[in-house]
N, C-alpha and C. Protein backbone atom coordinates (compact mmCIF):
# COMPACT_ATOMS: atom_id res chain seq x y z
N UNK A 1 56.42 23.05 -27.82
CA UNK A 1 55.77 22.83 -29.10
C UNK A 1 56.81 22.72 -30.20
N UNK A 2 57.77 21.83 -30.02
CA UNK A 2 58.81 21.60 -31.00
C UNK A 2 58.61 20.23 -31.63
N UNK A 3 58.08 20.18 -32.86
CA UNK A 3 57.83 18.89 -33.50
C UNK A 3 59.12 18.17 -33.83
N UNK A 4 59.06 16.85 -33.85
CA UNK A 4 60.22 16.05 -34.20
C UNK A 4 60.42 16.08 -35.71
N UNK A 5 61.62 15.63 -36.13
CA UNK A 5 61.91 15.56 -37.56
C UNK A 5 60.93 14.65 -38.29
N UNK A 6 60.63 13.52 -37.67
CA UNK A 6 59.73 12.56 -38.31
C UNK A 6 58.34 13.16 -38.50
N UNK A 7 57.84 13.85 -37.47
CA UNK A 7 56.52 14.47 -37.56
C UNK A 7 56.48 15.56 -38.62
N UNK A 8 57.54 16.36 -38.70
CA UNK A 8 57.59 17.41 -39.71
C UNK A 8 57.57 16.83 -41.12
N UNK A 9 58.38 15.80 -41.35
CA UNK A 9 58.43 15.19 -42.67
C UNK A 9 57.11 14.52 -43.04
N UNK A 10 56.44 13.94 -42.05
CA UNK A 10 55.20 13.21 -42.31
C UNK A 10 54.03 14.15 -42.58
N UNK A 11 53.95 15.23 -41.78
CA UNK A 11 52.78 16.11 -41.84
C UNK A 11 52.99 17.33 -42.73
N UNK A 12 54.07 17.39 -43.49
CA UNK A 12 54.35 18.58 -44.30
C UNK A 12 53.22 18.91 -45.29
N UNK A 13 52.70 17.95 -46.07
CA UNK A 13 51.61 18.29 -47.00
C UNK A 13 50.36 18.79 -46.28
N UNK A 14 50.05 18.17 -45.14
CA UNK A 14 48.86 18.59 -44.39
C UNK A 14 49.05 19.99 -43.82
N UNK A 15 50.26 20.30 -43.32
CA UNK A 15 50.53 21.62 -42.78
C UNK A 15 50.42 22.70 -43.86
N UNK A 16 50.85 22.39 -45.07
CA UNK A 16 50.74 23.38 -46.15
C UNK A 16 49.27 23.65 -46.46
N UNK A 17 48.44 22.62 -46.46
CA UNK A 17 47.01 22.83 -46.70
C UNK A 17 46.38 23.64 -45.58
N UNK A 18 46.78 23.36 -44.34
CA UNK A 18 46.26 24.13 -43.20
C UNK A 18 46.70 25.59 -43.30
N UNK A 19 47.94 25.82 -43.74
CA UNK A 19 48.44 27.19 -43.89
C UNK A 19 47.61 27.96 -44.91
N UNK A 20 47.29 27.32 -46.04
CA UNK A 20 46.46 27.97 -47.05
C UNK A 20 45.08 28.30 -46.48
N UNK A 21 44.54 27.41 -45.65
CA UNK A 21 43.24 27.66 -45.01
C UNK A 21 43.31 28.87 -44.09
N UNK A 22 44.38 28.95 -43.29
CA UNK A 22 44.54 30.10 -42.40
C UNK A 22 44.62 31.40 -43.20
N UNK A 23 45.36 31.41 -44.29
CA UNK A 23 45.49 32.62 -45.10
C UNK A 23 44.14 33.01 -45.72
N UNK A 24 43.37 32.03 -46.15
CA UNK A 24 42.05 32.32 -46.72
C UNK A 24 41.13 32.93 -45.67
N UNK A 25 41.19 32.40 -44.45
CA UNK A 25 40.37 32.95 -43.37
C UNK A 25 40.82 34.36 -43.02
N UNK A 26 42.14 34.59 -43.03
CA UNK A 26 42.66 35.93 -42.76
C UNK A 26 42.13 36.94 -43.77
N UNK A 27 42.11 36.55 -45.05
CA UNK A 27 41.58 37.43 -46.09
C UNK A 27 40.10 37.71 -45.85
N UNK A 28 39.35 36.67 -45.47
CA UNK A 28 37.93 36.85 -45.19
C UNK A 28 37.70 37.79 -44.01
N UNK A 29 38.49 37.63 -42.96
CA UNK A 29 38.33 38.49 -41.78
C UNK A 29 38.70 39.94 -42.09
N UNK A 30 39.78 40.13 -42.81
CA UNK A 30 40.15 41.50 -43.17
C UNK A 30 39.12 42.11 -44.13
N UNK A 31 38.53 41.27 -44.97
CA UNK A 31 37.45 41.75 -45.82
C UNK A 31 36.22 42.13 -45.02
N UNK A 32 35.91 41.35 -43.98
CA UNK A 32 34.79 41.70 -43.10
C UNK A 32 35.07 42.99 -42.36
N UNK A 33 36.34 43.21 -41.97
CA UNK A 33 36.70 44.44 -41.29
C UNK A 33 36.49 45.66 -42.18
N UNK A 34 36.78 45.51 -43.47
CA UNK A 34 36.61 46.62 -44.41
C UNK A 34 35.20 46.72 -44.97
N UNK A 35 34.32 45.79 -44.56
CA UNK A 35 32.95 45.81 -45.06
C UNK A 35 32.79 45.26 -46.45
N UNK A 36 33.72 44.43 -46.89
CA UNK A 36 33.68 43.87 -48.24
C UNK A 36 32.98 42.52 -48.30
N UNK A 37 32.71 41.91 -47.14
CA UNK A 37 32.04 40.62 -47.12
C UNK A 37 30.53 40.82 -47.25
N UNK A 38 29.83 39.91 -47.97
CA UNK A 38 28.38 40.05 -48.09
C UNK A 38 27.67 39.78 -46.77
N UNK A 39 26.56 40.47 -46.55
CA UNK A 39 25.81 40.27 -45.32
C UNK A 39 26.30 41.15 -44.19
N UNK A 40 25.77 40.88 -42.99
CA UNK A 40 26.13 41.67 -41.82
C UNK A 40 27.56 41.37 -41.40
N UNK A 41 28.25 42.36 -40.83
CA UNK A 41 29.63 42.17 -40.41
C UNK A 41 29.73 41.17 -39.26
N UNK A 42 28.78 41.21 -38.34
CA UNK A 42 28.83 40.31 -37.20
C UNK A 42 28.68 38.86 -37.66
N UNK A 43 27.77 38.62 -38.59
CA UNK A 43 27.59 37.25 -39.10
C UNK A 43 28.83 36.79 -39.85
N UNK A 44 29.42 37.67 -40.65
CA UNK A 44 30.64 37.30 -41.38
C UNK A 44 31.77 37.01 -40.40
N UNK A 45 31.87 37.81 -39.33
CA UNK A 45 32.89 37.56 -38.31
C UNK A 45 32.64 36.24 -37.60
N UNK A 46 31.37 35.94 -37.29
CA UNK A 46 31.05 34.69 -36.61
C UNK A 46 31.42 33.47 -37.42
N UNK A 47 31.03 33.46 -38.70
CA UNK A 47 31.36 32.31 -39.55
C UNK A 47 32.86 32.19 -39.76
N UNK A 48 33.55 33.33 -39.85
CA UNK A 48 35.00 33.29 -40.02
C UNK A 48 35.68 32.70 -38.79
N UNK A 49 35.16 33.02 -37.60
CA UNK A 49 35.75 32.46 -36.37
C UNK A 49 35.47 30.97 -36.26
N UNK A 50 34.30 30.53 -36.69
CA UNK A 50 34.02 29.09 -36.71
C UNK A 50 35.00 28.39 -37.66
N UNK A 51 35.22 28.98 -38.83
CA UNK A 51 36.19 28.40 -39.77
C UNK A 51 37.59 28.43 -39.19
N UNK A 52 37.92 29.47 -38.43
CA UNK A 52 39.23 29.54 -37.80
C UNK A 52 39.39 28.43 -36.76
N UNK A 53 38.32 28.12 -36.05
CA UNK A 53 38.36 27.00 -35.11
C UNK A 53 38.60 25.68 -35.82
N UNK A 54 37.97 25.49 -36.98
CA UNK A 54 38.18 24.27 -37.75
C UNK A 54 39.64 24.19 -38.23
N UNK A 55 40.20 25.33 -38.65
CA UNK A 55 41.60 25.35 -39.09
C UNK A 55 42.54 25.02 -37.94
N UNK A 56 42.26 25.53 -36.77
CA UNK A 56 43.09 25.20 -35.61
C UNK A 56 42.97 23.72 -35.25
N UNK A 57 41.79 23.15 -35.43
CA UNK A 57 41.63 21.71 -35.19
C UNK A 57 42.49 20.91 -36.17
N UNK A 58 42.53 21.35 -37.43
CA UNK A 58 43.39 20.69 -38.41
C UNK A 58 44.86 20.84 -38.07
N UNK A 59 45.23 22.02 -37.55
CA UNK A 59 46.61 22.22 -37.13
C UNK A 59 46.96 21.34 -35.94
N UNK A 60 46.00 21.14 -35.03
CA UNK A 60 46.24 20.25 -33.90
C UNK A 60 46.42 18.81 -34.36
N UNK A 61 45.67 18.41 -35.37
CA UNK A 61 45.80 17.05 -35.90
C UNK A 61 47.18 16.84 -36.51
N UNK A 62 47.74 17.89 -37.13
CA UNK A 62 49.03 17.77 -37.80
C UNK A 62 50.20 18.01 -36.87
N UNK A 63 49.94 18.39 -35.62
CA UNK A 63 51.03 18.69 -34.69
C UNK A 63 51.53 17.41 -34.03
N UNK A 64 52.64 17.55 -33.30
CA UNK A 64 53.27 16.40 -32.65
C UNK A 64 53.38 16.68 -31.16
N UNK A 65 52.96 15.74 -30.34
CA UNK A 65 53.06 15.92 -28.90
C UNK A 65 51.72 16.29 -28.27
N UNK A 66 51.49 15.78 -27.06
CA UNK A 66 50.23 16.02 -26.38
C UNK A 66 50.05 17.49 -26.00
N UNK A 67 51.13 18.15 -25.59
CA UNK A 67 51.04 19.55 -25.19
C UNK A 67 50.65 20.44 -26.37
N UNK A 68 51.31 20.26 -27.50
CA UNK A 68 51.00 21.07 -28.68
C UNK A 68 49.57 20.82 -29.15
N UNK A 69 49.17 19.56 -29.19
CA UNK A 69 47.82 19.26 -29.63
C UNK A 69 46.78 19.81 -28.66
N UNK A 70 47.08 19.75 -27.36
CA UNK A 70 46.15 20.29 -26.38
C UNK A 70 45.97 21.79 -26.51
N UNK A 71 47.07 22.53 -26.71
CA UNK A 71 46.98 23.98 -26.86
C UNK A 71 46.22 24.36 -28.12
N UNK A 72 46.54 23.71 -29.23
CA UNK A 72 45.86 24.03 -30.48
C UNK A 72 44.39 23.62 -30.44
N UNK A 73 44.09 22.50 -29.80
CA UNK A 73 42.69 22.08 -29.66
C UNK A 73 41.92 23.06 -28.78
N UNK A 74 42.57 23.59 -27.74
CA UNK A 74 41.92 24.59 -26.90
C UNK A 74 41.61 25.85 -27.70
N UNK A 75 42.57 26.27 -28.54
CA UNK A 75 42.32 27.41 -29.40
C UNK A 75 41.18 27.16 -30.37
N UNK A 76 41.13 25.95 -30.92
CA UNK A 76 40.05 25.59 -31.83
C UNK A 76 38.70 25.69 -31.14
N UNK A 77 38.62 25.17 -29.91
CA UNK A 77 37.37 25.23 -29.16
C UNK A 77 36.98 26.67 -28.84
N UNK A 78 37.96 27.49 -28.45
CA UNK A 78 37.68 28.89 -28.11
C UNK A 78 37.15 29.66 -29.32
N UNK A 79 37.79 29.49 -30.47
CA UNK A 79 37.33 30.19 -31.67
C UNK A 79 35.96 29.68 -32.11
N UNK A 80 35.74 28.37 -32.01
CA UNK A 80 34.45 27.82 -32.40
C UNK A 80 33.32 28.33 -31.52
N UNK A 81 33.56 28.36 -30.20
CA UNK A 81 32.53 28.86 -29.27
C UNK A 81 32.28 30.34 -29.49
N UNK A 82 33.36 31.12 -29.70
CA UNK A 82 33.20 32.57 -29.92
C UNK A 82 32.41 32.84 -31.19
N UNK A 83 32.73 32.12 -32.26
CA UNK A 83 31.99 32.32 -33.50
C UNK A 83 30.53 31.92 -33.38
N UNK A 84 30.28 30.81 -32.69
CA UNK A 84 28.90 30.36 -32.49
C UNK A 84 28.11 31.36 -31.65
N UNK A 85 28.76 31.94 -30.64
CA UNK A 85 28.09 32.94 -29.80
C UNK A 85 27.73 34.18 -30.61
N UNK A 86 28.62 34.58 -31.51
CA UNK A 86 28.31 35.74 -32.36
C UNK A 86 27.14 35.45 -33.28
N UNK A 87 27.02 34.22 -33.75
CA UNK A 87 25.92 33.88 -34.64
C UNK A 87 24.60 33.77 -33.89
N UNK A 88 24.63 33.30 -32.65
CA UNK A 88 23.40 33.13 -31.87
C UNK A 88 22.98 34.44 -31.21
N UNK A 89 23.94 35.15 -30.59
CA UNK A 89 23.68 36.41 -29.90
C UNK A 89 24.61 37.49 -30.47
N UNK A 90 24.24 38.11 -31.56
CA UNK A 90 25.17 39.05 -32.22
C UNK A 90 25.59 40.21 -31.32
N UNK A 91 24.65 40.84 -30.63
CA UNK A 91 25.00 42.03 -29.83
C UNK A 91 25.80 41.64 -28.60
N UNK A 92 25.29 40.71 -27.80
CA UNK A 92 25.97 40.30 -26.57
C UNK A 92 27.29 39.61 -26.88
N UNK A 93 27.30 38.76 -27.89
CA UNK A 93 28.54 38.07 -28.25
C UNK A 93 29.63 39.02 -28.68
N UNK A 94 29.27 40.01 -29.51
CA UNK A 94 30.26 40.99 -29.95
C UNK A 94 30.78 41.82 -28.78
N UNK A 95 29.89 42.17 -27.85
CA UNK A 95 30.30 42.97 -26.70
C UNK A 95 31.27 42.21 -25.80
N UNK A 96 30.94 40.95 -25.49
CA UNK A 96 31.82 40.14 -24.64
C UNK A 96 33.15 39.87 -25.31
N UNK A 97 33.11 39.54 -26.58
CA UNK A 97 34.35 39.24 -27.30
C UNK A 97 35.22 40.49 -27.42
N UNK A 98 34.59 41.64 -27.63
CA UNK A 98 35.32 42.88 -27.73
C UNK A 98 36.05 43.19 -26.42
N UNK A 99 35.34 43.05 -25.31
CA UNK A 99 35.97 43.31 -24.01
C UNK A 99 37.11 42.33 -23.73
N UNK A 100 36.90 41.05 -24.06
CA UNK A 100 37.93 40.04 -23.80
C UNK A 100 39.18 40.30 -24.63
N UNK A 101 39.01 40.66 -25.90
CA UNK A 101 40.16 40.91 -26.77
C UNK A 101 40.92 42.15 -26.32
N UNK A 102 40.21 43.23 -25.98
CA UNK A 102 40.87 44.46 -25.54
C UNK A 102 41.69 44.22 -24.28
N UNK A 103 41.11 43.53 -23.31
CA UNK A 103 41.83 43.26 -22.06
C UNK A 103 43.02 42.33 -22.30
N UNK A 104 42.81 41.27 -23.10
CA UNK A 104 43.88 40.30 -23.35
C UNK A 104 45.05 40.95 -24.08
N UNK A 105 44.77 41.78 -25.08
CA UNK A 105 45.86 42.43 -25.81
C UNK A 105 46.62 43.41 -24.92
N UNK A 106 45.90 44.20 -24.15
CA UNK A 106 46.57 45.20 -23.31
C UNK A 106 47.42 44.53 -22.23
N UNK A 107 46.81 43.63 -21.48
CA UNK A 107 47.55 42.97 -20.39
C UNK A 107 48.65 42.05 -20.94
N UNK A 108 48.36 41.35 -22.03
CA UNK A 108 49.37 40.47 -22.61
C UNK A 108 50.57 41.24 -23.14
N UNK A 109 50.32 42.38 -23.77
CA UNK A 109 51.43 43.19 -24.27
C UNK A 109 52.27 43.76 -23.14
N UNK A 110 51.61 44.24 -22.09
CA UNK A 110 52.35 44.76 -20.94
C UNK A 110 53.16 43.65 -20.27
N UNK A 111 52.56 42.47 -20.14
CA UNK A 111 53.29 41.35 -19.55
C UNK A 111 54.49 40.93 -20.36
N UNK A 112 54.34 40.91 -21.68
CA UNK A 112 55.48 40.55 -22.54
C UNK A 112 56.60 41.57 -22.43
N UNK A 113 56.25 42.85 -22.44
CA UNK A 113 57.27 43.90 -22.32
C UNK A 113 57.98 43.83 -20.97
N UNK A 114 57.21 43.59 -19.90
CA UNK A 114 57.81 43.51 -18.57
C UNK A 114 58.73 42.30 -18.45
N UNK A 115 58.31 41.15 -19.01
CA UNK A 115 59.14 39.95 -18.95
C UNK A 115 60.42 40.13 -19.74
N UNK A 116 60.33 40.77 -20.91
CA UNK A 116 61.52 41.00 -21.72
C UNK A 116 62.50 41.94 -21.02
N UNK A 117 61.97 42.99 -20.37
CA UNK A 117 62.84 43.92 -19.66
C UNK A 117 63.49 43.27 -18.44
N UNK A 118 62.79 42.32 -17.81
CA UNK A 118 63.35 41.67 -16.63
C UNK A 118 64.39 40.62 -16.99
N UNK A 119 64.17 39.87 -18.06
CA UNK A 119 65.09 38.80 -18.42
C UNK A 119 66.32 39.30 -19.17
N UNK A 120 66.15 40.31 -20.02
CA UNK A 120 67.25 40.87 -20.81
C UNK A 120 67.98 39.77 -21.61
N UNK A 121 67.20 38.96 -22.33
CA UNK A 121 67.82 37.93 -23.16
C UNK A 121 68.35 38.55 -24.45
N UNK A 122 68.81 37.70 -25.38
CA UNK A 122 69.50 38.19 -26.56
C UNK A 122 68.60 39.08 -27.42
N UNK A 123 67.31 38.78 -27.48
CA UNK A 123 66.40 39.54 -28.32
C UNK A 123 65.36 40.28 -27.47
N UNK A 124 65.78 40.74 -26.31
CA UNK A 124 64.81 41.35 -25.40
C UNK A 124 64.28 42.68 -25.92
N UNK A 125 65.09 43.41 -26.69
CA UNK A 125 64.62 44.70 -27.21
C UNK A 125 63.47 44.50 -28.21
N UNK A 126 63.60 43.47 -29.07
CA UNK A 126 62.53 43.19 -30.02
C UNK A 126 61.26 42.75 -29.30
N UNK A 127 61.42 41.87 -28.30
CA UNK A 127 60.27 41.41 -27.53
C UNK A 127 59.63 42.56 -26.75
N UNK A 128 60.47 43.45 -26.23
CA UNK A 128 59.96 44.59 -25.48
C UNK A 128 59.15 45.52 -26.37
N UNK A 129 59.70 45.83 -27.56
CA UNK A 129 58.98 46.69 -28.50
C UNK A 129 57.69 46.04 -28.99
N UNK A 130 57.74 44.72 -29.22
CA UNK A 130 56.54 44.01 -29.66
C UNK A 130 55.46 44.05 -28.57
N UNK A 131 55.87 43.87 -27.32
CA UNK A 131 54.92 43.93 -26.22
C UNK A 131 54.25 45.29 -26.11
N UNK A 132 55.04 46.36 -26.25
CA UNK A 132 54.47 47.70 -26.21
C UNK A 132 53.51 47.94 -27.38
N UNK A 133 53.87 47.42 -28.56
CA UNK A 133 52.99 47.57 -29.72
C UNK A 133 51.67 46.83 -29.52
N UNK A 134 51.75 45.62 -28.94
CA UNK A 134 50.53 44.85 -28.68
C UNK A 134 49.65 45.57 -27.66
N UNK A 135 50.28 46.10 -26.60
CA UNK A 135 49.52 46.82 -25.58
C UNK A 135 48.87 48.07 -26.16
N UNK A 136 49.61 48.79 -27.02
CA UNK A 136 49.04 49.98 -27.65
C UNK A 136 47.87 49.62 -28.55
N UNK A 137 47.99 48.50 -29.26
CA UNK A 137 46.88 48.05 -30.11
C UNK A 137 45.67 47.68 -29.26
N UNK A 138 45.92 47.05 -28.10
CA UNK A 138 44.82 46.72 -27.20
C UNK A 138 44.10 47.96 -26.69
N UNK A 139 44.86 49.01 -26.36
CA UNK A 139 44.25 50.27 -25.92
C UNK A 139 43.43 50.89 -27.05
N UNK A 140 43.99 50.83 -28.27
CA UNK A 140 43.26 51.38 -29.42
C UNK A 140 41.95 50.62 -29.66
N UNK A 141 42.00 49.30 -29.49
CA UNK A 141 40.78 48.50 -29.63
C UNK A 141 39.77 48.88 -28.56
N UNK A 142 40.24 49.06 -27.32
CA UNK A 142 39.33 49.41 -26.23
C UNK A 142 38.68 50.78 -26.45
N UNK A 143 39.43 51.71 -27.04
CA UNK A 143 38.91 53.05 -27.30
C UNK A 143 38.14 53.14 -28.62
N UNK A 144 38.10 52.03 -29.36
CA UNK A 144 37.41 51.98 -30.65
C UNK A 144 37.95 53.05 -31.60
N UNK A 145 39.27 53.15 -31.62
CA UNK A 145 39.91 54.11 -32.52
C UNK A 145 41.10 53.44 -33.20
N UNK A 146 41.23 53.52 -34.49
CA UNK A 146 40.36 54.23 -35.44
C UNK A 146 39.27 53.35 -36.02
N UNK A 147 39.11 52.12 -35.50
CA UNK A 147 38.15 51.17 -36.04
C UNK A 147 36.99 50.99 -35.08
N UNK A 148 35.85 50.59 -35.62
CA UNK A 148 34.72 50.24 -34.78
C UNK A 148 34.98 48.91 -34.09
N UNK A 149 34.07 48.53 -33.21
CA UNK A 149 34.28 47.31 -32.41
C UNK A 149 34.38 46.07 -33.31
N UNK A 150 33.44 45.89 -34.22
CA UNK A 150 33.44 44.71 -35.08
C UNK A 150 34.63 44.72 -36.03
N UNK A 151 34.97 45.88 -36.57
CA UNK A 151 36.11 45.97 -37.47
C UNK A 151 37.41 45.68 -36.74
N UNK A 152 37.51 46.17 -35.49
CA UNK A 152 38.71 45.89 -34.70
C UNK A 152 38.84 44.41 -34.39
N UNK A 153 37.72 43.74 -34.08
CA UNK A 153 37.76 42.31 -33.82
C UNK A 153 38.17 41.54 -35.08
N UNK A 154 37.58 41.90 -36.21
CA UNK A 154 37.91 41.21 -37.46
C UNK A 154 39.37 41.42 -37.83
N UNK A 155 39.87 42.63 -37.62
CA UNK A 155 41.28 42.90 -37.93
C UNK A 155 42.20 42.10 -37.01
N UNK A 156 41.88 42.06 -35.71
CA UNK A 156 42.70 41.33 -34.75
C UNK A 156 42.78 39.85 -35.10
N UNK A 157 41.62 39.24 -35.32
CA UNK A 157 41.61 37.81 -35.63
C UNK A 157 42.18 37.53 -37.02
N UNK A 158 42.04 38.48 -37.94
CA UNK A 158 42.64 38.30 -39.26
C UNK A 158 44.15 38.27 -39.20
N UNK A 159 44.72 39.17 -38.40
CA UNK A 159 46.18 39.17 -38.22
C UNK A 159 46.65 37.90 -37.52
N UNK A 160 45.85 37.44 -36.53
CA UNK A 160 46.21 36.20 -35.83
C UNK A 160 46.17 35.01 -36.78
N UNK A 161 45.17 34.97 -37.65
CA UNK A 161 45.08 33.87 -38.62
C UNK A 161 46.24 33.91 -39.61
N UNK A 162 46.62 35.11 -40.05
CA UNK A 162 47.74 35.23 -40.97
C UNK A 162 49.04 34.78 -40.31
N UNK A 163 49.24 35.16 -39.04
CA UNK A 163 50.45 34.75 -38.32
C UNK A 163 50.50 33.23 -38.16
N UNK A 164 49.37 32.62 -37.83
CA UNK A 164 49.33 31.16 -37.67
C UNK A 164 49.57 30.48 -39.01
N UNK A 165 49.04 31.04 -40.09
CA UNK A 165 49.28 30.48 -41.41
C UNK A 165 50.74 30.54 -41.79
N UNK A 166 51.40 31.67 -41.46
CA UNK A 166 52.83 31.79 -41.75
C UNK A 166 53.63 30.77 -40.96
N UNK A 167 53.25 30.54 -39.69
CA UNK A 167 53.94 29.54 -38.87
C UNK A 167 53.78 28.14 -39.46
N UNK A 168 52.58 27.79 -39.89
CA UNK A 168 52.35 26.48 -40.51
C UNK A 168 53.11 26.34 -41.81
N UNK A 169 53.21 27.45 -42.56
CA UNK A 169 53.94 27.40 -43.82
C UNK A 169 55.43 27.17 -43.60
N UNK A 170 56.00 27.80 -42.56
CA UNK A 170 57.41 27.57 -42.24
C UNK A 170 57.65 26.13 -41.82
N UNK A 171 56.75 25.58 -41.01
CA UNK A 171 56.89 24.18 -40.59
C UNK A 171 56.76 23.24 -41.78
N UNK A 172 55.83 23.55 -42.69
CA UNK A 172 55.66 22.70 -43.87
C UNK A 172 56.91 22.72 -44.75
N UNK A 173 57.51 23.91 -44.91
CA UNK A 173 58.73 24.01 -45.71
C UNK A 173 59.87 23.22 -45.08
N UNK A 174 59.99 23.31 -43.75
CA UNK A 174 61.03 22.55 -43.05
C UNK A 174 60.78 21.05 -43.19
N UNK A 175 59.52 20.63 -43.08
CA UNK A 175 59.20 19.21 -43.22
C UNK A 175 59.47 18.69 -44.62
N UNK A 176 59.22 19.51 -45.65
CA UNK A 176 59.49 19.08 -47.01
C UNK A 176 60.99 18.94 -47.26
N UNK A 177 61.78 19.84 -46.67
CA UNK A 177 63.24 19.70 -46.81
C UNK A 177 63.74 18.44 -46.13
N UNK A 178 63.19 18.14 -44.95
CA UNK A 178 63.59 16.92 -44.25
C UNK A 178 63.17 15.68 -45.02
N UNK A 179 61.96 15.70 -45.59
CA UNK A 179 61.49 14.54 -46.36
C UNK A 179 62.37 14.32 -47.58
N UNK A 180 62.81 15.42 -48.23
CA UNK A 180 63.68 15.30 -49.39
C UNK A 180 65.05 14.74 -49.00
N UNK A 181 65.57 15.19 -47.86
CA UNK A 181 66.84 14.66 -47.39
C UNK A 181 66.72 13.19 -47.02
N UNK A 182 65.61 12.82 -46.42
CA UNK A 182 65.39 11.41 -46.08
C UNK A 182 65.33 10.55 -47.35
N UNK A 183 64.70 11.10 -48.39
CA UNK A 183 64.58 10.36 -49.64
C UNK A 183 65.95 10.12 -50.27
N UNK A 184 66.83 11.11 -50.16
CA UNK A 184 68.17 10.98 -50.73
C UNK A 184 69.14 10.26 -49.80
N UNK A 185 68.71 10.01 -48.56
CA UNK A 185 69.58 9.35 -47.61
C UNK A 185 70.67 10.23 -47.07
N UNK A 186 70.44 11.53 -47.00
CA UNK A 186 71.47 12.46 -46.54
C UNK A 186 71.32 12.83 -45.07
N UNK A 187 70.21 12.49 -44.46
CA UNK A 187 70.02 12.86 -43.06
C UNK A 187 70.78 11.93 -42.15
N UNK A 188 71.36 12.49 -41.10
CA UNK A 188 72.07 11.68 -40.13
C UNK A 188 71.10 11.04 -39.15
N UNK A 189 71.47 9.88 -38.70
CA UNK A 189 70.69 9.20 -37.68
C UNK A 189 70.81 9.97 -36.37
N UNK A 190 69.71 10.45 -35.76
CA UNK A 190 69.83 11.27 -34.56
C UNK A 190 70.40 10.51 -33.37
N UNK A 191 70.40 9.19 -33.41
CA UNK A 191 70.90 8.43 -32.27
C UNK A 191 72.37 8.11 -32.35
N UNK A 192 73.01 8.33 -33.51
CA UNK A 192 74.42 8.03 -33.67
C UNK A 192 75.11 9.17 -34.39
N UNK A 193 76.43 9.06 -34.50
CA UNK A 193 77.20 10.05 -35.24
C UNK A 193 77.40 9.65 -36.70
N UNK A 194 76.93 8.48 -37.07
CA UNK A 194 77.16 7.98 -38.42
C UNK A 194 75.99 8.35 -39.31
N UNK A 195 76.21 8.62 -40.60
CA UNK A 195 75.12 8.92 -41.53
C UNK A 195 74.29 7.68 -41.77
N UNK A 196 73.08 7.89 -42.18
CA UNK A 196 72.19 6.78 -42.45
C UNK A 196 71.60 6.95 -43.84
N UNK A 197 71.07 5.88 -44.39
CA UNK A 197 70.45 5.94 -45.71
C UNK A 197 71.32 5.25 -46.75
N UNK A 198 70.70 4.97 -47.90
CA UNK A 198 71.40 4.24 -48.95
C UNK A 198 72.57 5.02 -49.50
N UNK A 199 72.39 6.34 -49.72
CA UNK A 199 73.47 7.14 -50.28
C UNK A 199 74.58 7.39 -49.28
N UNK A 200 74.28 7.27 -47.99
CA UNK A 200 75.28 7.54 -46.98
C UNK A 200 76.12 6.31 -46.68
N UNK A 201 75.70 5.14 -47.14
CA UNK A 201 76.43 3.92 -46.84
C UNK A 201 77.84 3.95 -47.42
N UNK A 202 77.97 4.51 -48.63
CA UNK A 202 79.28 4.54 -49.27
C UNK A 202 80.23 5.51 -48.59
N UNK A 203 79.74 6.36 -47.69
CA UNK A 203 80.58 7.33 -47.00
C UNK A 203 81.28 6.73 -45.79
N UNK A 204 80.84 5.52 -45.36
CA UNK A 204 81.43 4.90 -44.20
C UNK A 204 82.79 4.31 -44.55
N UNK A 205 83.71 4.21 -43.57
CA UNK A 205 85.03 3.59 -43.83
C UNK A 205 84.88 2.16 -44.26
N UNK A 206 85.92 1.65 -44.98
CA UNK A 206 85.88 0.26 -45.44
C UNK A 206 85.85 -0.68 -44.26
N UNK A 207 85.02 -1.67 -44.34
CA UNK A 207 84.88 -2.63 -43.25
C UNK A 207 83.71 -2.34 -42.35
N UNK A 208 83.16 -1.07 -42.42
CA UNK A 208 82.02 -0.71 -41.57
C UNK A 208 80.76 -0.50 -42.41
N UNK A 209 80.86 -0.79 -43.72
CA UNK A 209 79.69 -0.62 -44.57
C UNK A 209 78.75 -1.80 -44.39
N UNK A 210 77.49 -1.52 -44.29
CA UNK A 210 76.46 -2.56 -44.12
C UNK A 210 75.48 -2.46 -45.27
N UNK A 211 74.99 -3.58 -45.70
CA UNK A 211 74.07 -3.62 -46.83
C UNK A 211 72.86 -4.47 -46.47
């Protein structure tokens, strides 16, 4: 999921808008967790998850490559179906989603910690600690401590939305820097060692300048 320079520069404005959407959904989910959203918590969580699916669909549209778009589109479908299930079947939907999130966080955190300990890469200690923290959070969600089931779900998805928004914001910032460099002609041509662009033409040796 590594976008090309061209894709980053092209989709930078769209990625920034998607990032703002993710942050807004994160605020809504955390508000639902604290009971600050109007109406029932399950309904607020359901609509927030549907909106999160729409945001992931927008992120998939702005991404580059079939693999990245497929993963983000799958996430969009999963969030949309989960939110719709909560709206149609509040009790059963919340119960199934709660069990799935608790198991996924616990097993995923343990798997990340085990992989980091086995590989011992440059940042394995950070990955190991993060895996243990995720697993501990999954156990806390399963035990419904210190949050209730719906509050734990809203908090989990709110943090996920905030993390995705931060990732889109970083990509948008990188794309804007690349677009600015392209405008000034300071970016190098990735296929050659020579600079490209109008401003870079004067940097070439005499006899090799092209106009």
